[in-house]
Amino acid sequence: MLNKLGDELPYSCAVEIESFKEKAIPVHIAATIYVERESQKGMVIGAGGKKVKEIGTLARVEIEKLLSAKVFLELKVKVLEGWTSEARLMKKFGYRLESSRKRK
């Protein structure tokens, strides 16, 4: 979904699904896009919210194809400074971290 940003994509973006109400009609999904800096937040939101709306529309269409159901997708963009430096947060967002290997 974030590929809509092209070259402007902040390398430190993560998406977390806050809620997924599958039995609702339409299916209701709330997600948060996390970035590390306020300037990145502006890039994802875009002027007047245009970019995040585009991202949401494209994502919703793809999700509807996967689920074969109508979807209401609610997106928020939040700054979480330094999240890429914290192992706990990296794991929370689904990144697999290599454990440090013992040296011989």
PDB file of N, CA and C in Angstrom:
ATOM      1  N   MET A   1       0.817  -1.192   0.000  1.00  0.00           N
ATOM      2  CA  MET A   1       0.000   0.000   0.000  1.00  0.00           C
ATOM      3  C   MET A   1       0.855   1.246   0.000  1.00  0.00           C
ATOM      4  N   LEU A   2       1.996   1.181   0.679  1.00  0.00           N
ATOM      5  CA  LEU A   2       2.836   2.372   0.750  1.00  0.00           C
ATOM      6  C   LEU A   2       3.670   2.579  -0.510  1.00  0.00           C
ATOM      7  N   ASN A   3       3.646   1.624  -1.447  1.00  0.00           N
ATOM      8  CA  ASN A   3       4.406   1.810  -2.677  1.00  0.00           C
ATOM      9  C   ASN A   3       3.876   2.983  -3.493  1.00  0.00           C
ATOM     10  N   LYS A   4       2.720   3.499  -3.154  1.00  0.00           N
ATOM     11  CA  LYS A   4       2.144   4.668  -3.828  1.00  0.00           C
ATOM     12  C   LYS A   4       3.023   5.901  -3.644  1.00  0.00           C
ATOM     13  N   LEU A   5       3.879   5.888  -2.630  1.00  0.00           N
ATOM     14  CA  LEU A   5       4.750   7.029  -2.376  1.00  0.00           C
ATOM     15  C   LEU A   5       5.969   7.041  -3.293  1.00  0.00           C
ATOM     16  N   GLY A   6       6.226   5.940  -3.975  1.00  0.00           N
ATOM     17  CA  GLY A   6       7.357   5.881  -4.892  1.00  0.00           C
ATOM     18  C   GLY A   6       8.661   6.192  -4.205  1.00  0.00           C
ATOM     19  N   ASP A   7       9.446   7.092  -4.774  1.00  0.00           N
ATOM     20  CA  ASP A   7      10.757   7.437  -4.229  1.00  0.00           C
ATOM     21  C   ASP A   7      10.665   8.199  -2.916  1.00  0.00           C
ATOM     22  N   GLU A   8       9.498   8.708  -2.587  1.00  0.00           N
ATOM     23  CA  GLU A   8       9.333   9.471  -1.361  1.00  0.00           C
ATOM     24  C   GLU A   8       9.077   8.585  -0.155  1.00  0.00           C
ATOM     25  N   LEU A   9       8.977   7.271  -0.336  1.00  0.00           N
ATOM     26  CA  LEU A   9       8.672   6.364   0.761  1.00  0.00           C
ATOM     27  C   LEU A   9       9.742   6.436   1.840  1.00  0.00           C
ATOM     28  N   PRO A  10       9.363   6.842   3.041  1.00  0.00           N
ATOM     29  CA  PRO A  10      10.329   6.810   4.140  1.00  0.00           C
ATOM     30  C   PRO A  10      10.724   5.363   4.411  1.00  0.00           C
ATOM     31  N   TYR A  11      12.008   5.103   4.548  1.00  0.00           N
ATOM     32  CA  TYR A  11      12.448   3.726   4.759  1.00  0.00           C
ATOM     33  C   TYR A  11      11.984   3.202   6.108  1.00  0.00           C
ATOM     34  N   SER A  12      11.641   4.084   7.013  1.00  0.00           N
ATOM     35  CA  SER A  12      11.223   3.670   8.350  1.00  0.00           C
ATOM     36  C   SER A  12       9.716   3.807   8.522  1.00  0.00           C
ATOM     37  N   CYS A  13       8.968   3.052   7.712  1.00  0.00           N
ATOM     38  CA  CYS A  13       7.509   3.002   7.815  1.00  0.00           C
ATOM     39  C   CYS A  13       7.100   1.614   8.276  1.00  0.00           C
ATOM     40  N   ALA A  14       6.085   1.568   9.102  1.00  0.00           N
ATOM     41  CA  ALA A  14       5.504   0.290   9.511  1.00  0.00           C
ATOM     42  C   ALA A  14       4.000   0.482   9.591  1.00  0.00           C
ATOM     43  N   VAL A  15       3.270  -0.586   9.319  1.00  0.00           N
ATOM     44  CA  VAL A  15       1.818  -0.531   9.397  1.00  0.00           C
ATOM     45  C   VAL A  15       1.364  -1.538  10.439  1.00  0.00           C
ATOM     46  N   GLU A  16       0.509  -1.070  11.336  1.00  0.00           N
ATOM     47  CA  GLU A  16      -0.050  -1.948  12.373  1.00  0.00           C
ATOM     48  C   GLU A  16      -1.568  -1.964  12.232  1.00  0.00           C
ATOM     49  N   ILE A  17      -2.136  -3.151  12.210  1.00  0.00           N
ATOM     50  CA  ILE A  17      -3.588  -3.289  12.178  1.00  0.00           C
ATOM     51  C   ILE A  17      -4.087  -3.140  13.617  1.00  0.00           C
ATOM     52  N   GLU A  18      -4.885  -2.112  13.847  1.00  0.00           N
ATOM     53  CA  GLU A  18      -5.411  -1.838  15.185  1.00  0.00           C
ATOM     54  C   GLU A  18      -6.652  -2.686  15.464  1.00  0.00           C
ATOM     55  N   SER A  19      -7.509  -2.834  14.450  1.00  0.00           N
ATOM     56  CA  SER A  19      -8.691  -3.681  14.607  1.00  0.00           C
ATOM     57  C   SER A  19      -9.106  -4.221  13.247  1.00  0.00           C
ATOM     58  N   PHE A  20      -9.723  -5.387  13.281  1.00  0.00           N
ATOM     59  CA  PHE A  20     -10.185  -6.059  12.072  1.00  0.00           C
ATOM     60  C   PHE A  20     -11.520  -6.698  12.431  1.00  0.00           C
ATOM     61  N   LYS A  21     -12.601  -6.053  12.047  1.00  0.00           N
ATOM     62  CA  LYS A  21     -13.945  -6.549  12.366  1.00  0.00           C
ATOM     63  C   LYS A  21     -14.512  -7.236  11.135  1.00  0.00           C
ATOM     64  N   GLU A  22     -14.240  -8.523  11.051  1.00  0.00           N
ATOM     65  CA  GLU A  22     -14.582  -9.320   9.877  1.00  0.00           C
ATOM     66  C   GLU A  22     -16.082  -9.544   9.732  1.00  0.00           C
ATOM     67  N   LYS A  23     -16.800  -9.548  10.848  1.00  0.00           N
ATOM     68  CA  LYS A  23     -18.239  -9.820  10.781  1.00  0.00           C
ATOM     69  C   LYS A  23     -19.065  -8.573  10.503  1.00  0.00           C
ATOM     70  N   ALA A  24     -18.428  -7.415  10.531  1.00  0.00           N
ATOM     71  CA  ALA A  24     -19.131  -6.168  10.233  1.00  0.00           C
ATOM     72  C   ALA A  24     -19.419  -6.089   8.734  1.00  0.00           C
ATOM     73  N   ILE A  25     -20.475  -5.383   8.377  1.00  0.00           N
ATOM     74  CA  ILE A  25     -20.783  -5.153   6.964  1.00  0.00           C
ATOM     75  C   ILE A  25     -20.838  -3.647   6.751  1.00  0.00           C
ATOM     76  N   PRO A  26     -19.898  -3.074   6.019  1.00  0.00           N
ATOM     77  CA  PRO A  26     -18.737  -3.729   5.419  1.00  0.00           C
ATOM     78  C   PRO A  26     -17.702  -4.111   6.489  1.00  0.00           C
ATOM     79  N   VAL A  27     -16.750  -4.980   6.105  1.00  0.00           N
ATOM     80  CA  VAL A  27     -15.645  -5.336   6.992  1.00  0.00           C
ATOM     81  C   VAL A  27     -14.955  -4.031   7.394  1.00  0.00           C
ATOM     82  N   HIS A  28     -14.657  -3.878   8.685  1.00  0.00           N
ATOM     83  CA  HIS A  28     -14.037  -2.643   9.171  1.00  0.00           C
ATOM     84  C   HIS A  28     -12.605  -2.932   9.611  1.00  0.00           C
ATOM     85  N   ILE A  29     -11.671  -2.211   9.014  1.00  0.00           N
ATOM     86  CA  ILE A  29     -10.260  -2.361   9.357  1.00  0.00           C
ATOM     87  C   ILE A  29      -9.717  -0.991   9.729  1.00  0.00           C
ATOM     88  N   ALA A  30      -9.085  -0.923  10.905  1.00  0.00           N
ATOM     89  CA  ALA A  30      -8.419   0.309  11.338  1.00  0.00           C
ATOM     90  C   ALA A  30      -6.931   0.011  11.409  1.00  0.00           C
ATOM     91  N   ALA A  31      -6.133   0.850  10.759  1.00  0.00           N
ATOM     92  CA  ALA A  31      -4.688   0.631  10.716  1.00  0.00           C
ATOM     93  C   ALA A  31      -3.959   1.946  10.963  1.00  0.00           C
ATOM     94  N   THR A  32      -2.752   1.816  11.514  1.00  0.00           N
ATOM     95  CA  THR A  32      -1.910   2.982  11.748  1.00  0.00           C
ATOM     96  C   THR A  32      -0.610   2.802  10.983  1.00  0.00           C
ATOM     97  N   ILE A  33      -0.227   3.841  10.249  1.00  0.00           N
ATOM     98  CA  ILE A  33       1.066   3.873   9.568  1.00  0.00           C
ATOM     99  C   ILE A  33       2.005   4.646  10.483  1.00  0.00           C
ATOM    100  N   TYR A  34       3.070   3.990  10.936  1.00  0.00           N
ATOM    101  CA  TYR A  34       4.047   4.636  11.810  1.00  0.00           C
ATOM    102  C   TYR A  34       5.264   5.086  11.011  1.00  0.00           C
ATOM    103  N   VAL A  35       5.723   6.290  11.297  1.00  0.00           N
ATOM    104  CA  VAL A  35       6.958   6.836  10.722  1.00  0.00           C
ATOM    105  C   VAL A  35       7.815   7.334  11.881  1.00  0.00           C
ATOM    106  N   GLU A  36       9.072   7.632  11.611  1.00  0.00           N
ATOM    107  CA  GLU A  36       9.979   8.044  12.684  1.00  0.00           C
ATOM    108  C   GLU A  36      10.075   9.545  12.900  1.00  0.00           C
ATOM    109  N   ARG A  37       9.744  10.323  11.882  1.00  0.00           N
ATOM    110  CA  ARG A  37       9.897  11.782  12.013  1.00  0.00           C
ATOM    111  C   ARG A  37       8.657  12.508  11.496  1.00  0.00           C
ATOM    112  N   GLU A  38       8.458  13.681  12.024  1.00  0.00           N
ATOM    113  CA  GLU A  38       7.319  14.513  11.620  1.00  0.00           C
ATOM    114  C   GLU A  38       7.352  14.802  10.118  1.00  0.00           C
ATOM    115  N   SER A  39       8.547  15.010   9.562  1.00  0.00           N
ATOM    116  CA  SER A  39       8.656  15.283   8.125  1.00  0.00           C
ATOM    117  C   SER A  39       8.179  14.086   7.294  1.00  0.00           C
ATOM    118  N   GLN A  40       8.396  12.881   7.794  1.00  0.00           N
ATOM    119  CA  GLN A  40       7.926  11.687   7.095  1.00  0.00           C
ATOM    120  C   GLN A  40       6.401  11.597   7.159  1.00  0.00           C
ATOM    121  N   LYS A  41       5.843  12.022   8.268  1.00  0.00           N
ATOM    122  CA  LYS A  41       4.393  12.013   8.421  1.00  0.00           C
ATOM    123  C   LYS A  41       3.755  12.879   7.334  1.00  0.00           C
ATOM    124  N   GLY A  42       4.331  14.045   7.102  1.00  0.00           N
ATOM    125  CA  GLY A  42       3.827  14.928   6.061  1.00  0.00           C
ATOM    126  C   GLY A  42       3.904  14.303   4.683  1.00  0.00           C
ATOM    127  N   MET A  43       4.969  13.543   4.431  1.00  0.00           N
ATOM    128  CA  MET A  43       5.117  12.872   3.136  1.00  0.00           C
ATOM    129  C   MET A  43       4.018  11.837   2.927  1.00  0.00           C
ATOM    130  N   VAL A  44       3.678  11.099   3.976  1.00  0.00           N
ATOM    131  CA  VAL A  44       2.672  10.043   3.875  1.00  0.00           C
ATOM    132  C   VAL A  44       1.266  10.646   3.781  1.00  0.00           C
ATOM    133  N   ILE A  45       1.005  11.713   4.541  1.00  0.00           N
ATOM    134  CA  ILE A  45      -0.320  12.342   4.514  1.00  0.00           C
ATOM    135  C   ILE A  45      -0.539  13.126   3.228  1.00  0.00           C
ATOM    136  N   GLY A  46       0.473  13.873   2.789  1.00  0.00           N
ATOM    137  CA  GLY A  46       0.344  14.672   1.584  1.00  0.00           C
ATOM    138  C   GLY A  46      -0.484  15.930   1.813  1.00  0.00           C
ATOM    139  N   ALA A  47      -0.486  16.800   0.839  1.00  0.00           N
ATOM    140  CA  ALA A  47      -1.221  18.065   0.921  1.00  0.00           C
ATOM    141  C   ALA A  47      -2.710  17.795   1.056  1.00  0.00           C
ATOM    142  N   GLY A  48      -3.292  18.296   2.126  1.00  0.00           N
ATOM    143  CA  GLY A  48      -4.721  18.120   2.348  1.00  0.00           C
ATOM    144  C   GLY A  48      -5.153  16.681   2.552  1.00  0.00           C
ATOM    145  N   GLY A  49      -4.211  15.790   2.885  1.00  0.00           N
ATOM    146  CA  GLY A  49      -4.537  14.386   3.100  1.00  0.00           C
ATOM    147  C   GLY A  49      -4.667  13.578   1.823  1.00  0.00           C
ATOM    148  N   LYS A  50      -4.270  14.191   0.711  1.00  0.00           N
ATOM    149  CA  LYS A  50      -4.453  13.543  -0.597  1.00  0.00           C
ATOM    150  C   LYS A  50      -3.677  12.229  -0.729  1.00  0.00           C
ATOM    151  N   LYS A  51      -2.435  12.201  -0.275  1.00  0.00           N
ATOM    152  CA  LYS A  51      -1.602  11.003  -0.441  1.00  0.00           C
ATOM    153  C   LYS A  51      -2.133   9.833   0.397  1.00  0.00           C
ATOM    154  N   VAL A  52      -2.467  10.088   1.663  1.00  0.00           N
ATOM    155  CA  VAL A  52      -2.969   8.999   2.506  1.00  0.00           C
ATOM    156  C   VAL A  52      -4.322   8.504   1.999  1.00  0.00           C
ATOM    157  N   LYS A  53      -5.098   9.378   1.405  1.00  0.00           N
ATOM    158  CA  LYS A  53      -6.374   8.959   0.820  1.00  0.00           C
ATOM    159  C   LYS A  53      -6.131   8.023  -0.367  1.00  0.00           C
ATOM    160  N   GLU A  54      -5.155   8.376  -1.206  1.00  0.00           N
ATOM    161  CA  GLU A  54      -4.797   7.510  -2.340  1.00  0.00           C
ATOM    162  C   GLU A  54      -4.308   6.149  -1.861  1.00  0.00           C
ATOM    163  N   ILE A  55      -3.437   6.171  -0.855  1.00  0.00           N
ATOM    164  CA  ILE A  55      -2.907   4.925  -0.282  1.00  0.00           C
ATOM    165  C   ILE A  55      -4.058   4.072   0.237  1.00  0.00           C
ATOM    166  N   GLY A  56      -4.967   4.692   0.974  1.00  0.00           N
ATOM    167  CA  GLY A  56      -6.101   3.975   1.538  1.00  0.00           C
ATOM    168  C   GLY A  56      -7.026   3.399   0.481  1.00  0.00           C
ATOM    169  N   THR A  57      -7.279   4.162  -0.554  1.00  0.00           N
ATOM    170  CA  THR A  57      -8.156   3.690  -1.626  1.00  0.00           C
ATOM    171  C   THR A  57      -7.555   2.476  -2.330  1.00  0.00           C
ATOM    172  N   LEU A  58      -6.276   2.563  -2.684  1.00  0.00           N
ATOM    173  CA  LEU A  58      -5.614   1.439  -3.354  1.00  0.00           C
ATOM    174  C   LEU A  58      -5.561   0.208  -2.455  1.00  0.00           C
ATOM    175  N   ALA A  59      -5.258   0.419  -1.179  1.00  0.00           N
ATOM    176  CA  ALA A  59      -5.199  -0.701  -0.239  1.00  0.00           C
ATOM    177  C   ALA A  59      -6.571  -1.337  -0.067  1.00  0.00           C
ATOM    178  N   ARG A  60      -7.602  -0.514   0.066  1.00  0.00           N
ATOM    179  CA  ARG A  60      -8.962  -1.025   0.244  1.00  0.00           C
ATOM    180  C   ARG A  60      -9.384  -1.899  -0.933  1.00  0.00           C
ATOM    181  N   VAL A  61      -9.087  -1.450  -2.139  1.00  0.00           N
ATOM    182  CA  VAL A  61      -9.441  -2.225  -3.335  1.00  0.00           C
ATOM    183  C   VAL A  61      -8.752  -3.589  -3.310  1.00  0.00           C
ATOM    184  N   GLU A  62      -7.468  -3.608  -2.954  1.00  0.00           N
ATOM    185  CA  GLU A  62      -6.734  -4.876  -2.891  1.00  0.00           C
ATOM    186  C   GLU A  62      -7.277  -5.789  -1.800  1.00  0.00           C
ATOM    187  N   ILE A  63      -7.603  -5.225  -0.647  1.00  0.00           N
ATOM    188  CA  ILE A  63      -8.145  -6.018   0.455  1.00  0.00           C
ATOM    189  C   ILE A  63      -9.513  -6.581   0.081  1.00  0.00           C
ATOM    190  N   GLU A  64     -10.327  -5.785  -0.593  1.00  0.00           N
ATOM    191  CA  GLU A  64     -11.643  -6.265  -1.027  1.00  0.00           C
ATOM    192  C   GLU A  64     -11.505  -7.447  -1.974  1.00  0.00           C
ATOM    193  N   LYS A  65     -10.497  -7.420  -2.838  1.00  0.00           N
ATOM    194  CA  LYS A  65     -10.254  -8.556  -3.735  1.00  0.00           C
ATOM    195  C   LYS A  65      -9.889  -9.800  -2.931  1.00  0.00           C
ATOM    196  N   LEU A  66      -9.037  -9.627  -1.932  1.00  0.00           N
ATOM    197  CA  LEU A  66      -8.609 -10.765  -1.109  1.00  0.00           C
ATOM    198  C   LEU A  66      -9.761 -11.350  -0.293  1.00  0.00           C
ATOM    199  N   LEU A  67     -10.599 -10.486   0.248  1.00  0.00           N
ATOM    200  CA  LEU A  67     -11.678 -10.934   1.132  1.00  0.00           C
ATOM    201  C   LEU A  67     -12.988 -11.227   0.409  1.00  0.00           C
ATOM    202  N   SER A  68     -13.096 -10.798  -0.840  1.00  0.00           N
ATOM    203  CA  SER A  68     -14.352 -10.905  -1.590  1.00  0.00           C
ATOM    204  C   SER A  68     -15.498 -10.273  -0.811  1.00  0.00           C
ATOM    205  N   ALA A  69     -15.212  -9.106  -0.247  1.00  0.00           N
ATOM    206  CA  ALA A  69     -16.212  -8.384   0.544  1.00  0.00           C
ATOM    207  C   ALA A  69     -15.891  -6.899   0.520  1.00  0.00           C
ATOM    208  N   LYS A  70     -16.911  -6.079   0.761  1.00  0.00           N
ATOM    209  CA  LYS A  70     -16.694  -4.633   0.879  1.00  0.00           C
ATOM    210  C   LYS A  70     -15.932  -4.345   2.167  1.00  0.00           C
ATOM    211  N   VAL A  71     -15.064  -3.328   2.114  1.00  0.00           N
ATOM    212  CA  VAL A  71     -14.208  -2.995   3.253  1.00  0.00           C
ATOM    213  C   VAL A  71     -14.260  -1.496   3.518  1.00  0.00           C
ATOM    214  N   PHE A  72     -14.346  -1.144   4.800  1.00  0.00           N
ATOM    215  CA  PHE A  72     -14.144   0.231   5.239  1.00  0.00           C
ATOM    216  C   PHE A  72     -12.774   0.249   5.885  1.00  0.00           C
ATOM    217  N   LEU A  73     -11.848   1.015   5.317  1.00  0.00           N
ATOM    218  CA  LEU A  73     -10.469   1.080   5.803  1.00  0.00           C
ATOM    219  C   LEU A  73     -10.205   2.449   6.403  1.00  0.00           C
ATOM    220  N   GLU A  74      -9.876   2.457   7.671  1.00  0.00           N
ATOM    221  CA  GLU A  74      -9.565   3.687   8.395  1.00  0.00           C
ATOM    222  C   GLU A  74      -8.059   3.732   8.627  1.00  0.00           C
ATOM    223  N   LEU A  75      -7.400   4.758   8.092  1.00  0.00           N
ATOM    224  CA  LEU A  75      -5.948   4.894   8.249  1.00  0.00           C
ATOM    225  C   LEU A  75      -5.598   6.116   9.084  1.00  0.00           C
ATOM    226  N   LYS A  76      -4.616   5.933   9.950  1.00  0.00           N
ATOM    227  CA  LYS A  76      -4.035   7.043  10.714  1.00  0.00           C
ATOM    228  C   LYS A  76      -2.537   7.015  10.462  1.00  0.00           C
ATOM    229  N   VAL A  77      -1.905   8.152  10.576  1.00  0.00           N
ATOM    230  CA  VAL A  77      -0.447   8.247  10.456  1.00  0.00           C
ATOM    231  C   VAL A  77       0.079   8.840  11.754  1.00  0.00           C
ATOM    232  N   LYS A  78       1.023   8.135  12.378  1.00  0.00           N
ATOM    233  CA  LYS A  78       1.577   8.595  13.650  1.00  0.00           C
ATOM    234  C   LYS A  78       3.099   8.564  13.612  1.00  0.00           C
ATOM    235  N   VAL A  79       3.691   9.473  14.375  1.00  0.00           N
ATOM    236  CA  VAL A  79       5.148   9.507  14.543  1.00  0.00           C
ATOM    237  C   VAL A  79       5.489   8.701  15.785  1.00  0.00           C
ATOM    238  N   LEU A  80       6.420   7.768  15.641  1.00  0.00           N
ATOM    239  CA  LEU A  80       6.943   6.991  16.757  1.00  0.00           C
ATOM    240  C   LEU A  80       8.462   7.051  16.652  1.00  0.00           C
ATOM    241  N   GLU A  81       9.017   8.090  17.248  1.00  0.00           N
ATOM    242  CA  GLU A  81      10.446   8.369  17.101  1.00  0.00           C
ATOM    243  C   GLU A  81      11.306   7.195  17.565  1.00  0.00           C
ATOM    244  N   GLY A  82      12.279   6.871  16.732  1.00  0.00           N
ATOM    245  CA  GLY A  82      13.271   5.857  17.084  1.00  0.00           C
ATOM    246  C   GLY A  82      12.784   4.423  17.098  1.00  0.00           C
ATOM    247  N   TRP A  83      11.637   4.139  16.495  1.00  0.00           N
ATOM    248  CA  TRP A  83      11.122   2.777  16.577  1.00  0.00           C
ATOM    249  C   TRP A  83      12.038   1.761  15.906  1.00  0.00           C
ATOM    250  N   THR A  84      12.793   2.174  14.895  1.00  0.00           N
ATOM    251  CA  THR A  84      13.690   1.218  14.223  1.00  0.00           C
ATOM    252  C   THR A  84      14.907   0.875  15.061  1.00  0.00           C
ATOM    253  N   SER A  85      15.119   1.594  16.157  1.00  0.00           N
ATOM    254  CA  SER A  85      16.262   1.330  17.038  1.00  0.00           C
ATOM    255  C   SER A  85      15.872   0.471  18.235  1.00  0.00           C
ATOM    256  N   GLU A  86      14.607   0.157  18.363  1.00  0.00           N
ATOM    257  CA  GLU A  86      14.138  -0.613  19.512  1.00  0.00           C
ATOM    258  C   GLU A  86      13.666  -1.995  19.079  1.00  0.00           C
ATOM    259  N   ALA A  87      14.369  -3.026  19.543  1.00  0.00           N
ATOM    260  CA  ALA A  87      14.060  -4.402  19.159  1.00  0.00           C
ATOM    261  C   ALA A  87      12.610  -4.771  19.471  1.00  0.00           C
ATOM    262  N   ARG A  88      12.104  -4.327  20.607  1.00  0.00           N
ATOM    263  CA  ARG A  88      10.729  -4.634  21.006  1.00  0.00           C
ATOM    264  C   ARG A  88       9.732  -4.111  19.970  1.00  0.00           C
ATOM    265  N   LEU A  89       9.939  -2.888  19.505  1.00  0.00           N
ATOM    266  CA  LEU A  89       9.033  -2.300  18.516  1.00  0.00           C
ATOM    267  C   LEU A  89       9.218  -2.937  17.147  1.00  0.00           C
ATOM    268  N   MET A  90      10.440  -3.259  16.802  1.00  0.00           N
ATOM    269  CA  MET A  90      10.677  -3.926  15.520  1.00  0.00           C
ATOM    270  C   MET A  90       9.922  -5.263  15.487  1.00  0.00           C
ATOM    271  N   LYS A  91       9.995  -6.018  16.573  1.00  0.00           N
ATOM    272  CA  LYS A  91       9.275  -7.295  16.644  1.00  0.00           C
ATOM    273  C   LYS A  91       7.770  -7.073  16.608  1.00  0.00           C
ATOM    274  N   LYS A  92       7.290  -6.043  17.299  1.00  0.00           N
ATOM    275  CA  LYS A  92       5.861  -5.731  17.318  1.00  0.00           C
ATOM    276  C   LYS A  92       5.332  -5.496  15.904  1.00  0.00           C
ATOM    277  N   PHE A  93       6.148  -4.866  15.061  1.00  0.00           N
ATOM    278  CA  PHE A  93       5.738  -4.562  13.695  1.00  0.00           C
ATOM    279  C   PHE A  93       6.043  -5.700  12.722  1.00  0.00           C
ATOM    280  N   GLY A  94       6.490  -6.839  13.244  1.00  0.00           N
ATOM    281  CA  GLY A  94       6.654  -8.024  12.412  1.00  0.00           C
ATOM    282  C   GLY A  94       8.022  -8.224  11.798  1.00  0.00           C
ATOM    283  N   TYR A  95       8.992  -7.432  12.196  1.00  0.00           N
ATOM    284  CA  TYR A  95      10.338  -7.622  11.676  1.00  0.00           C
ATOM    285  C   TYR A  95      11.032  -8.730  12.443  1.00  0.00           C
ATOM    286  N   ARG A  96      11.715  -9.594  11.723  1.00  0.00           N
ATOM    287  CA  ARG A  96      12.493 -10.665  12.348  1.00  0.00           C
ATOM    288  C   ARG A  96      13.910 -10.163  12.529  1.00  0.00           C
ATOM    289  N   LEU A  97      14.374 -10.228  13.749  1.00  0.00           N
ATOM    290  CA  LEU A  97      15.713  -9.753  14.047  1.00  0.00           C
ATOM    291  C   LEU A  97      16.648 -10.941  14.205  1.00  0.00           C
ATOM    292  N   GLU A  98      17.831 -10.806  13.628  1.00  0.00           N
ATOM    293  CA  GLU A  98      18.822 -11.856  13.787  1.00  0.00           C
ATOM    294  C   GLU A  98      19.394 -11.779  15.187  1.00  0.00           C
ATOM    295  N   SER A  99      19.481 -12.922  15.832  1.00  0.00           N
ATOM    296  CA  SER A  99      20.090 -12.920  17.157  1.00  0.00           C
ATOM    297  C   SER A  99      21.606 -12.867  16.972  1.00  0.00           C
ATOM    298  N   SER A 100      22.256 -12.241  17.897  1.00  0.00           N
ATOM    299  CA  SER A 100      23.711 -12.135  17.783  1.00  0.00           C
ATOM    300  C   SER A 100      24.307 -13.512  17.967  1.00  0.00           C
ATOM    301  N   ARG A 101      25.206 -13.873  17.059  1.00  0.00           N
ATOM    302  CA  ARG A 101      25.848 -15.190  17.069  1.00  0.00           C
ATOM    303  C   ARG A 101      27.060 -15.149  17.990  1.00  0.00           C
ATOM    304  N   LYS A 102      27.276 -16.268  18.649  1.00  0.00           N
ATOM    305  CA  LYS A 102      28.445 -16.390  19.504  1.00  0.00           C
ATOM    306  C   LYS A 102      29.686 -16.483  18.642  1.00  0.00           C
ATOM    307  N   ARG A 103      30.677 -15.736  19.012  1.00  0.00           N
ATOM    308  CA  ARG A 103      31.933 -15.781  18.251  1.00  0.00           C
ATOM    309  C   ARG A 103      32.844 -16.846  18.829  1.00  0.00           C
ATOM    310  N   LYS A 104      33.571 -17.529  17.962  1.00  0.00           N
ATOM    311  CA  LYS A 104      34.511 -18.561  18.411  1.00  0.00           C
ATOM    312  C   LYS A 104      35.838 -17.979  18.739  1.00  0.00           C
TER     313      LYS A 104
END
